[in-house]
Protein backbone atom coordinates (compact mmCIF):
# COMPACT_ATOMS: atom_id res chain seq x y z
CA UNK A 1 91.07 -85.06 -15.82
CA UNK A 2 94.17 -84.43 -17.34
CA UNK A 3 97.42 -83.03 -15.54
CA UNK A 4 97.78 -79.30 -15.66
CA UNK A 5 100.51 -77.88 -18.01
CA UNK A 6 103.82 -77.57 -16.32
CA UNK A 7 105.75 -74.38 -17.68
CA UNK A 8 109.58 -75.23 -18.31
CA UNK A 9 111.67 -73.97 -15.45
CA UNK A 10 113.61 -70.63 -16.11
CA UNK A 11 116.28 -69.61 -16.93
CA UNK A 12 116.76 -71.23 -20.37
CA UNK A 13 120.31 -71.71 -21.31
CA UNK A 14 122.32 -72.60 -24.61
CA UNK A 15 124.56 -75.40 -24.30
CA UNK A 16 127.15 -76.30 -27.22
CA UNK A 17 127.39 -79.90 -28.56
CA UNK A 18 129.54 -81.43 -31.28
CA UNK A 19 127.09 -80.71 -34.16
CA UNK A 20 124.20 -78.79 -32.46
CA UNK A 21 123.17 -76.34 -29.71
CA UNK A 22 120.72 -77.13 -27.49
CA UNK A 23 118.13 -74.87 -25.69
CA UNK A 24 117.77 -76.34 -22.02
CA UNK A 25 115.54 -75.21 -18.95
CA UNK A 26 116.74 -74.91 -15.43
CA UNK A 27 116.16 -78.70 -15.01
CA UNK A 28 118.38 -79.31 -17.92
CA UNK A 29 115.57 -80.59 -20.15
CA UNK A 30 116.24 -80.40 -23.85
CA UNK A 31 113.48 -77.79 -25.31
CA UNK A 32 115.12 -77.43 -28.57
CA UNK A 33 118.00 -78.87 -30.73
CA UNK A 34 119.64 -76.69 -33.33
CA UNK A 35 121.80 -78.59 -35.53
CA UNK A 36 124.73 -77.13 -37.65
CA UNK A 37 127.44 -78.46 -40.12
CA UNK A 38 130.82 -76.53 -40.61
CA UNK A 39 131.77 -78.10 -43.84
CA UNK A 40 129.65 -76.19 -46.62
CA UNK A 41 129.15 -79.08 -48.77
CA UNK A 42 127.78 -81.44 -46.22
CA UNK A 43 125.87 -78.48 -44.94
CA UNK A 44 123.94 -78.17 -48.16
CA UNK A 45 123.18 -81.75 -48.76
CA UNK A 46 122.35 -82.28 -44.93
CA UNK A 47 120.18 -78.96 -44.90
CA UNK A 48 121.84 -77.66 -41.82
CA UNK A 49 122.80 -74.19 -40.92
CA UNK A 50 126.28 -73.02 -40.34
CA UNK A 51 127.41 -73.00 -36.85
CA UNK A 52 127.17 -69.09 -36.49
CA UNK A 53 123.66 -69.13 -37.63
CA UNK A 54 122.60 -71.98 -35.61
CA UNK A 55 124.07 -70.29 -32.53
CA UNK A 56 122.17 -67.04 -33.31
CA UNK A 57 118.88 -68.92 -33.77
CA UNK A 58 119.28 -70.95 -30.61
CA UNK A 59 120.14 -67.65 -28.78
CA UNK A 60 117.06 -66.10 -29.91
CA UNK A 61 115.18 -69.44 -28.58
CA UNK A 62 116.69 -68.88 -25.15
CA UNK A 63 115.08 -65.30 -24.96
CA UNK A 64 111.45 -66.33 -25.59
CA UNK A 65 110.29 -66.22 -21.98
CA UNK A 66 111.87 -62.91 -21.46
CA UNK A 67 109.86 -61.81 -24.61
CA UNK A 68 106.72 -63.34 -23.61
CA UNK A 69 106.55 -61.83 -20.26
CA UNK A 70 107.27 -58.41 -21.91
CA UNK A 71 104.19 -58.72 -24.30
CA UNK A 72 102.07 -59.72 -21.31
CA UNK A 73 103.33 -56.76 -19.41
CA UNK A 74 102.67 -54.68 -22.40
CA UNK A 75 99.16 -56.06 -23.11
CA UNK A 76 98.14 -55.78 -19.29
CA UNK A 77 99.37 -52.07 -19.19
CA UNK A 78 97.22 -51.29 -22.42
CA UNK A 79 94.27 -53.20 -21.40
CA UNK A 80 94.20 -51.57 -17.63
CA UNK A 81 91.52 -48.95 -17.15
CA UNK A 82 92.19 -45.33 -17.41
């Protein structure tokens, strides 16, 4: 039998590195890396986001656990017997 799936520990946080933003959980496990490039010419050839776009994107990933909890609560309220 396989091990049960363990959720990533909350809260999730955003950590800035030299060329990326990392989304990490409470145990500092990297869940996502969003790379950016400041120089527009290199950004285009490397197909990377601008620093601000990468920060915005990673910030939204950090919010996923809260959004999923809100969705679960909404569905539970909707499906509850009247």
